Amino acid sequence: MAEQKLLKLTISRVDGPIFNGDVTAVSVPGVEGDMQILANHSSLISPLKKGKVVIKKADDATEEHEIESGTLEISNNHATILI
């Protein structure tokens, strides 16, 4: 079985972190459409709209967070979501 490729994910707001860990995928509500981010995604900065951030962890568990808006930045296999 092939080893899963992981992406480092940080979700934060002004008053502190919400999530910080390795994931296999994260889905976000981009202003121009929903996006799924996987390991080794190319660099990107995008505004986010109201909706759900869905995290798929390495153990196949999922975690969801409702957001009102935010910004996604991807660089060097690390995705950062500021809400």
PDB file of N, CA and C in Angstrom:
ATOM      1  N   MET A   1       0.841  -1.181   0.000  1.00  0.00           N
ATOM      2  CA  MET A   1       0.000   0.000   0.000  1.00  0.00           C
ATOM      3  C   MET A   1       0.886   1.244   0.000  1.00  0.00           C
ATOM      4  N   ALA A   2       0.569   2.205  -0.832  1.00  0.00           N
ATOM      5  CA  ALA A   2       1.359   3.428  -0.922  1.00  0.00           C
ATOM      6  C   ALA A   2       1.144   4.303   0.314  1.00  0.00           C
ATOM      7  N   GLU A   3       2.209   4.980   0.685  1.00  0.00           N
ATOM      8  CA  GLU A   3       2.138   5.883   1.828  1.00  0.00           C
ATOM      9  C   GLU A   3       1.316   7.112   1.440  1.00  0.00           C
ATOM     10  N   GLN A   4       0.437   7.564   2.359  1.00  0.00           N
ATOM     11  CA  GLN A   4      -0.384   8.737   2.088  1.00  0.00           C
ATOM     12  C   GLN A   4       0.471   9.995   2.099  1.00  0.00           C
ATOM     13  N   LYS A   5       0.215  10.864   1.146  1.00  0.00           N
ATOM     14  CA  LYS A   5       0.894  12.149   1.130  1.00  0.00           C
ATOM     15  C   LYS A   5       0.116  13.101   2.030  1.00  0.00           C
ATOM     16  N   LEU A   6       0.844  13.831   2.873  1.00  0.00           N
ATOM     17  CA  LEU A   6       0.207  14.703   3.845  1.00  0.00           C
ATOM     18  C   LEU A   6       0.521  16.168   3.576  1.00  0.00           C
ATOM     19  N   LEU A   7      -0.401  17.003   4.014  1.00  0.00           N
ATOM     20  CA  LEU A   7      -0.320  18.445   3.901  1.00  0.00           C
ATOM     21  C   LEU A   7      -0.416  19.011   5.309  1.00  0.00           C
ATOM     22  N   LYS A   8       0.441  19.947   5.657  1.00  0.00           N
ATOM     23  CA  LYS A   8       0.353  20.624   6.947  1.00  0.00           C
ATOM     24  C   LYS A   8      -0.748  21.672   6.850  1.00  0.00           C
ATOM     25  N   LEU A   9      -1.682  21.680   7.819  1.00  0.00           N
ATOM     26  CA  LEU A   9      -2.801  22.619   7.805  1.00  0.00           C
ATOM     27  C   LEU A   9      -2.862  23.376   9.122  1.00  0.00           C
ATOM     28  N   THR A  10      -3.001  24.690   9.010  1.00  0.00           N
ATOM     29  CA  THR A  10      -3.216  25.544  10.169  1.00  0.00           C
ATOM     30  C   THR A  10      -4.452  26.381   9.906  1.00  0.00           C
ATOM     31  N   ILE A  11      -5.398  26.366  10.839  1.00  0.00           N
ATOM     32  CA  ILE A  11      -6.570  27.236  10.782  1.00  0.00           C
ATOM     33  C   ILE A  11      -6.527  28.086  12.041  1.00  0.00           C
ATOM     34  N   SER A  12      -6.542  29.407  11.852  1.00  0.00           N
ATOM     35  CA  SER A  12      -6.433  30.329  12.992  1.00  0.00           C
ATOM     36  C   SER A  12      -7.382  31.500  12.840  1.00  0.00           C
ATOM     37  N   ARG A  13      -7.697  32.089  13.970  1.00  0.00           N
ATOM     38  CA  ARG A  13      -8.387  33.377  13.987  1.00  0.00           C
ATOM     39  C   ARG A  13      -7.638  34.269  14.960  1.00  0.00           C
ATOM     40  N   VAL A  14      -8.029  35.499  15.079  1.00  0.00           N
ATOM     41  CA  VAL A  14      -7.290  36.465  15.880  1.00  0.00           C
ATOM     42  C   VAL A  14      -7.092  35.987  17.316  1.00  0.00           C
ATOM     43  N   ASP A  15      -8.093  35.350  17.885  1.00  0.00           N
ATOM     44  CA  ASP A  15      -7.999  34.940  19.294  1.00  0.00           C
ATOM     45  C   ASP A  15      -7.339  33.586  19.511  1.00  0.00           C
ATOM     46  N   GLY A  16      -6.828  32.944  18.461  1.00  0.00           N
ATOM     47  CA  GLY A  16      -6.083  31.712  18.660  1.00  0.00           C
ATOM     48  C   GLY A  16      -6.299  30.677  17.580  1.00  0.00           C
ATOM     49  N   PRO A  17      -5.518  29.587  17.661  1.00  0.00           N
ATOM     50  CA  PRO A  17      -5.611  28.515  16.663  1.00  0.00           C
ATOM     51  C   PRO A  17      -6.879  27.682  16.831  1.00  0.00           C
ATOM     52  N   ILE A  18      -7.367  27.162  15.693  1.00  0.00           N
ATOM     53  CA  ILE A  18      -8.524  26.271  15.688  1.00  0.00           C
ATOM     54  C   ILE A  18      -8.092  24.851  15.345  1.00  0.00           C
ATOM     55  N   PHE A  19      -7.145  24.732  14.409  1.00  0.00           N
ATOM     56  CA  PHE A  19      -6.639  23.418  13.999  1.00  0.00           C
ATOM     57  C   PHE A  19      -5.191  23.579  13.560  1.00  0.00           C
ATOM     58  N   ASN A  20      -4.385  22.588  13.912  1.00  0.00           N
ATOM     59  CA  ASN A  20      -2.992  22.568  13.474  1.00  0.00           C
ATOM     60  C   ASN A  20      -2.566  21.111  13.388  1.00  0.00           C
ATOM     61  N   GLY A  21      -2.309  20.615  12.181  1.00  0.00           N
ATOM     62  CA  GLY A  21      -1.899  19.225  12.043  1.00  0.00           C
ATOM     63  C   GLY A  21      -1.736  18.816  10.591  1.00  0.00           C
ATOM     64  N   ASP A  22      -1.400  17.550  10.402  1.00  0.00           N
ATOM     65  CA  ASP A  22      -1.230  16.979   9.068  1.00  0.00           C
ATOM     66  C   ASP A  22      -2.547  16.380   8.596  1.00  0.00           C
ATOM     67  N   VAL A  23      -2.882  16.644   7.328  1.00  0.00           N
ATOM     68  CA  VAL A  23      -4.133  16.159   6.750  1.00  0.00           C
ATOM     69  C   VAL A  23      -3.861  15.575   5.361  1.00  0.00           C
ATOM     70  N   THR A  24      -4.799  14.769   4.875  1.00  0.00           N
ATOM     71  CA  THR A  24      -4.684  14.266   3.505  1.00  0.00           C
ATOM     72  C   THR A  24      -5.363  15.202   2.518  1.00  0.00           C
ATOM     73  N   ALA A  25      -6.370  15.984   2.990  1.00  0.00           N
ATOM     74  CA  ALA A  25      -7.077  16.925   2.121  1.00  0.00           C
ATOM     75  C   ALA A  25      -7.844  17.922   2.972  1.00  0.00           C
ATOM     76  N   VAL A  26      -8.096  19.080   2.389  1.00  0.00           N
ATOM     77  CA  VAL A  26      -8.978  20.071   3.008  1.00  0.00           C
ATOM     78  C   VAL A  26      -9.803  20.708   1.902  1.00  0.00           C
ATOM     79  N   SER A  27     -11.103  20.828   2.132  1.00  0.00           N
ATOM     80  CA  SER A  27     -12.010  21.470   1.184  1.00  0.00           C
ATOM     81  C   SER A  27     -12.432  22.813   1.759  1.00  0.00           C
ATOM     82  N   VAL A  28     -12.401  23.851   0.917  1.00  0.00           N
ATOM     83  CA  VAL A  28     -12.707  25.199   1.375  1.00  0.00           C
ATOM     84  C   VAL A  28     -13.680  25.879   0.412  1.00  0.00           C
ATOM     85  N   PRO A  29     -14.482  26.840   0.933  1.00  0.00           N
ATOM     86  CA  PRO A  29     -15.418  27.573   0.080  1.00  0.00           C
ATOM     87  C   PRO A  29     -14.771  28.835  -0.504  1.00  0.00           C
ATOM     88  N   GLY A  30     -14.125  28.710  -1.638  1.00  0.00           N
ATOM     89  CA  GLY A  30     -13.512  29.860  -2.299  1.00  0.00           C
ATOM     90  C   GLY A  30     -14.581  30.782  -2.863  1.00  0.00           C
ATOM     91  N   VAL A  31     -14.269  32.061  -2.992  1.00  0.00           N
ATOM     92  CA  VAL A  31     -15.261  33.007  -3.512  1.00  0.00           C
ATOM     93  C   VAL A  31     -15.640  32.710  -4.964  1.00  0.00           C
ATOM     94  N   GLU A  32     -14.766  32.033  -5.697  1.00  0.00           N
ATOM     95  CA  GLU A  32     -15.077  31.680  -7.079  1.00  0.00           C
ATOM     96  C   GLU A  32     -15.421  30.201  -7.244  1.00  0.00           C
ATOM     97  N   GLY A  33     -15.636  29.518  -6.126  1.00  0.00           N
ATOM     98  CA  GLY A  33     -16.014  28.112  -6.163  1.00  0.00           C
ATOM     99  C   GLY A  33     -15.286  27.315  -5.103  1.00  0.00           C
ATOM    100  N   ASP A  34     -15.847  26.172  -4.756  1.00  0.00           N
ATOM    101  CA  ASP A  34     -15.236  25.305  -3.755  1.00  0.00           C
ATOM    102  C   ASP A  34     -13.950  24.703  -4.293  1.00  0.00           C
ATOM    103  N   MET A  35     -12.983  24.505  -3.392  1.00  0.00           N
ATOM    104  CA  MET A  35     -11.688  23.943  -3.775  1.00  0.00           C
ATOM    105  C   MET A  35     -11.323  22.814  -2.822  1.00  0.00           C
ATOM    106  N   GLN A  36     -10.659  21.808  -3.342  1.00  0.00           N
ATOM    107  CA  GLN A  36     -10.077  20.759  -2.502  1.00  0.00           C
ATOM    108  C   GLN A  36      -8.567  20.852  -2.640  1.00  0.00           C
ATOM    109  N   ILE A  37      -7.891  20.933  -1.515  1.00  0.00           N
ATOM    110  CA  ILE A  37      -6.447  21.084  -1.486  1.00  0.00           C
ATOM    111  C   ILE A  37      -5.836  19.763  -1.030  1.00  0.00           C
ATOM    112  N   LEU A  38      -4.876  19.271  -1.812  1.00  0.00           N
ATOM    113  CA  LEU A  38      -4.160  18.035  -1.501  1.00  0.00           C
ATOM    114  C   LEU A  38      -2.688  18.354  -1.271  1.00  0.00           C
ATOM    115  N   ALA A  39      -1.926  17.366  -0.822  1.00  0.00           N
ATOM    116  CA  ALA A  39      -0.486  17.531  -0.597  1.00  0.00           C
ATOM    117  C   ALA A  39       0.201  18.029  -1.864  1.00  0.00           C
ATOM    118  N   ASN A  40       1.211  18.844  -1.672  1.00  0.00           N
ATOM    119  CA  ASN A  40       2.050  19.376  -2.748  1.00  0.00           C
ATOM    120  C   ASN A  40       1.295  20.255  -3.745  1.00  0.00           C
ATOM    121  N   HIS A  41       0.217  20.890  -3.283  1.00  0.00           N
ATOM    122  CA  HIS A  41      -0.527  21.826  -4.129  1.00  0.00           C
ATOM    123  C   HIS A  41       0.375  23.012  -4.459  1.00  0.00           C
ATOM    124  N   SER A  42       0.202  23.587  -5.622  1.00  0.00           N
ATOM    125  CA  SER A  42       0.993  24.760  -5.992  1.00  0.00           C
ATOM    126  C   SER A  42       0.628  25.948  -5.099  1.00  0.00           C
ATOM    127  N   SER A  43       1.531  26.912  -5.017  1.00  0.00           N
ATOM    128  CA  SER A  43       1.310  28.093  -4.184  1.00  0.00           C
ATOM    129  C   SER A  43       0.056  28.831  -4.636  1.00  0.00           C
ATOM    130  N   LEU A  44      -0.667  29.363  -3.644  1.00  0.00           N
ATOM    131  CA  LEU A  44      -1.958  29.987  -3.935  1.00  0.00           C
ATOM    132  C   LEU A  44      -2.347  30.893  -2.781  1.00  0.00           C
ATOM    133  N   ILE A  45      -2.990  32.012  -3.096  1.00  0.00           N
ATOM    134  CA  ILE A  45      -3.655  32.849  -2.103  1.00  0.00           C
ATOM    135  C   ILE A  45      -5.051  33.096  -2.639  1.00  0.00           C
ATOM    136  N   SER A  46      -6.078  32.857  -1.784  1.00  0.00           N
ATOM    137  CA  SER A  46      -7.455  33.009  -2.240  1.00  0.00           C
ATOM    138  C   SER A  46      -8.351  33.470  -1.095  1.00  0.00           C
ATOM    139  N   PRO A  47      -9.274  34.406  -1.380  1.00  0.00           N
ATOM    140  CA  PRO A  47     -10.272  34.760  -0.372  1.00  0.00           C
ATOM    141  C   PRO A  47     -11.300  33.631  -0.253  1.00  0.00           C
ATOM    142  N   LEU A  48     -11.868  33.511   0.935  1.00  0.00           N
ATOM    143  CA  LEU A  48     -12.880  32.492   1.198  1.00  0.00           C
ATOM    144  C   LEU A  48     -14.197  33.165   1.563  1.00  0.00           C
ATOM    145  N   LYS A  49     -15.301  32.476   1.257  1.00  0.00           N
ATOM    146  CA  LYS A  49     -16.632  32.984   1.585  1.00  0.00           C
ATOM    147  C   LYS A  49     -17.245  32.121   2.693  1.00  0.00           C
ATOM    148  N   LYS A  50     -18.435  32.478   3.102  1.00  0.00           N
ATOM    149  CA  LYS A  50     -19.165  31.738   4.126  1.00  0.00           C
ATOM    150  C   LYS A  50     -19.396  30.308   3.651  1.00  0.00           C
ATOM    151  N   GLY A  51     -19.150  29.352   4.547  1.00  0.00           N
ATOM    152  CA  GLY A  51     -19.355  27.946   4.213  1.00  0.00           C
ATOM    153  C   GLY A  51     -18.604  27.042   5.169  1.00  0.00           C
ATOM    154  N   LYS A  52     -18.380  25.808   4.730  1.00  0.00           N
ATOM    155  CA  LYS A  52     -17.716  24.806   5.559  1.00  0.00           C
ATOM    156  C   LYS A  52     -16.302  24.534   5.076  1.00  0.00           C
ATOM    157  N   VAL A  53     -15.386  24.440   6.045  1.00  0.00           N
ATOM    158  CA  VAL A  53     -14.048  23.922   5.794  1.00  0.00           C
ATOM    159  C   VAL A  53     -14.103  22.469   6.253  1.00  0.00           C
ATOM    160  N   VAL A  54     -13.830  21.538   5.361  1.00  0.00           N
ATOM    161  CA  VAL A  54     -13.891  20.112   5.684  1.00  0.00           C
ATOM    162  C   VAL A  54     -12.477  19.548   5.621  1.00  0.00           C
ATOM    163  N   ILE A  55     -12.042  19.007   6.750  1.00  0.00           N
ATOM    164  CA  ILE A  55     -10.693  18.464   6.894  1.00  0.00           C
ATOM    165  C   ILE A  55     -10.763  16.952   6.857  1.00  0.00           C
ATOM    166  N   LYS A  56      -9.931  16.327   6.033  1.00  0.00           N
ATOM    167  CA  LYS A  56      -9.814  14.866   6.029  1.00  0.00           C
ATOM    168  C   LYS A  56      -8.446  14.522   6.624  1.00  0.00           C
ATOM    169  N   LYS A  57      -8.484  13.897   7.785  1.00  0.00           N
ATOM    170  CA  LYS A  57      -7.255  13.567   8.509  1.00  0.00           C
ATOM    171  C   LYS A  57      -6.648  12.272   7.977  1.00  0.00           C
ATOM    172  N   ALA A  58      -5.416  12.005   8.355  1.00  0.00           N
ATOM    173  CA  ALA A  58      -4.685  10.821   7.889  1.00  0.00           C
ATOM    174  C   ALA A  58      -5.386   9.521   8.268  1.00  0.00           C
ATOM    175  N   ASP A  59      -6.143   9.512   9.375  1.00  0.00           N
ATOM    176  CA  ASP A  59      -6.854   8.302   9.815  1.00  0.00           C
ATOM    177  C   ASP A  59      -8.248   8.186   9.195  1.00  0.00           C
ATOM    178  N   ASP A  60      -8.511   8.993   8.152  1.00  0.00           N
ATOM    179  CA  ASP A  60      -9.787   9.057   7.425  1.00  0.00           C
ATOM    180  C   ASP A  60     -10.928   9.702   8.207  1.00  0.00           C
ATOM    181  N   ALA A  61     -10.653  10.180   9.426  1.00  0.00           N
ATOM    182  CA  ALA A  61     -11.663  10.933  10.167  1.00  0.00           C
ATOM    183  C   ALA A  61     -11.827  12.296   9.502  1.00  0.00           C
ATOM    184  N   THR A  62     -13.025  12.865   9.604  1.00  0.00           N
ATOM    185  CA  THR A  62     -13.247  14.205   9.062  1.00  0.00           C
ATOM    186  C   THR A  62     -13.630  15.156  10.191  1.00  0.00           C
ATOM    187  N   GLU A  63     -13.334  16.419   9.962  1.00  0.00           N
ATOM    188  CA  GLU A  63     -13.655  17.473  10.919  1.00  0.00           C
ATOM    189  C   GLU A  63     -14.167  18.649  10.095  1.00  0.00           C
ATOM    190  N   GLU A  64     -15.230  19.303  10.556  1.00  0.00           N
ATOM    191  CA  GLU A  64     -15.815  20.423   9.821  1.00  0.00           C
ATOM    192  C   GLU A  64     -15.837  21.671  10.683  1.00  0.00           C
ATOM    193  N   HIS A  65     -15.616  22.821  10.026  1.00  0.00           N
ATOM    194  CA  HIS A  65     -15.678  24.112  10.697  1.00  0.00           C
ATOM    195  C   HIS A  65     -16.458  25.072   9.813  1.00  0.00           C
ATOM    196  N   GLU A  66     -17.464  25.729  10.369  1.00  0.00           N
ATOM    197  CA  GLU A  66     -18.217  26.753   9.647  1.00  0.00           C
ATOM    198  C   GLU A  66     -17.428  28.058   9.716  1.00  0.00           C
ATOM    199  N   ILE A  67     -17.318  28.751   8.573  1.00  0.00           N
ATOM    200  CA  ILE A  67     -16.644  30.040   8.556  1.00  0.00           C
ATOM    201  C   ILE A  67     -17.551  31.088   7.921  1.00  0.00           C
ATOM    202  N   GLU A  68     -17.326  32.337   8.269  1.00  0.00           N
ATOM    203  CA  GLU A  68     -18.050  33.455   7.660  1.00  0.00           C
ATOM    204  C   GLU A  68     -17.286  33.999   6.461  1.00  0.00           C
ATOM    205  N   SER A  69     -15.960  34.013   6.573  1.00  0.00           N
ATOM    206  CA  SER A  69     -15.084  34.475   5.498  1.00  0.00           C
ATOM    207  C   SER A  69     -13.656  34.170   5.933  1.00  0.00           C
ATOM    208  N   GLY A  70     -12.696  34.435   5.071  1.00  0.00           N
ATOM    209  CA  GLY A  70     -11.314  34.199   5.444  1.00  0.00           C
ATOM    210  C   GLY A  70     -10.393  34.273   4.251  1.00  0.00           C
ATOM    211  N   THR A  71      -9.153  33.867   4.490  1.00  0.00           N
ATOM    212  CA  THR A  71      -8.126  33.850   3.453  1.00  0.00           C
ATOM    213  C   THR A  71      -7.371  32.531   3.536  1.00  0.00           C
ATOM    214  N   LEU A  72      -7.109  31.943   2.384  1.00  0.00           N
ATOM    215  CA  LEU A  72      -6.330  30.713   2.275  1.00  0.00           C
ATOM    216  C   LEU A  72      -4.996  31.045   1.635  1.00  0.00           C
ATOM    217  N   GLU A  73      -3.920  30.548   2.226  1.00  0.00           N
ATOM    218  CA  GLU A  73      -2.602  30.673   1.618  1.00  0.00           C
ATOM    219  C   GLU A  73      -1.955  29.294   1.610  1.00  0.00           C
ATOM    220  N   ILE A  74      -1.390  28.911   0.470  1.00  0.00           N
ATOM    221  CA  ILE A  74      -0.684  27.635   0.349  1.00  0.00           C
ATOM    222  C   ILE A  74       0.722  27.922  -0.129  1.00  0.00           C
ATOM    223  N   SER A  75       1.705  27.363   0.573  1.00  0.00           N
ATOM    224  CA  SER A  75       3.097  27.531   0.200  1.00  0.00           C
ATOM    225  C   SER A  75       3.909  26.419   0.847  1.00  0.00           C
ATOM    226  N   ASN A  76       4.790  25.784   0.073  1.00  0.00           N
ATOM    227  CA  ASN A  76       5.696  24.753   0.596  1.00  0.00           C
ATOM    228  C   ASN A  76       4.974  23.627   1.353  1.00  0.00           C
ATOM    229  N   ASN A  77       3.877  23.135   0.785  1.00  0.00           N
ATOM    230  CA  ASN A  77       3.096  22.023   1.341  1.00  0.00           C
ATOM    231  C   ASN A  77       2.501  22.366   2.710  1.00  0.00           C
ATOM    232  N   HIS A  78       2.205  23.662   2.930  1.00  0.00           N
ATOM    233  CA  HIS A  78       1.566  24.118   4.155  1.00  0.00           C
ATOM    234  C   HIS A  78       0.421  25.046   3.776  1.00  0.00           C
ATOM    235  N   ALA A  79      -0.796  24.675   4.175  1.00  0.00           N
ATOM    236  CA  ALA A  79      -1.972  25.504   3.936  1.00  0.00           C
ATOM    237  C   ALA A  79      -2.324  26.236   5.228  1.00  0.00           C
ATOM    238  N   THR A  80      -2.535  27.533   5.120  1.00  0.00           N
ATOM    239  CA  THR A  80      -2.926  28.355   6.266  1.00  0.00           C
ATOM    240  C   THR A  80      -4.248  29.023   5.941  1.00  0.00           C
ATOM    241  N   ILE A  81      -5.216  28.872   6.841  1.00  0.00           N
ATOM    242  CA  ILE A  81      -6.509  29.513   6.685  1.00  0.00           C
ATOM    243  C   ILE A  81      -6.670  30.474   7.852  1.00  0.00           C
ATOM    244  N   LEU A  82      -6.843  31.757   7.524  1.00  0.00           N
ATOM    245  CA  LEU A  82      -7.074  32.785   8.535  1.00  0.00           C
ATOM    246  C   LEU A  82      -8.529  33.200   8.442  1.00  0.00           C
ATOM    247  N   ILE A  83      -9.245  33.111   9.580  1.00  0.00           N
ATOM    248  CA  ILE A  83     -10.670  33.458   9.583  1.00  0.00           C
ATOM    249  C   ILE A  83     -10.963  34.509  10.631  1.00  0.00           C
TER     250      ILE A  83
END
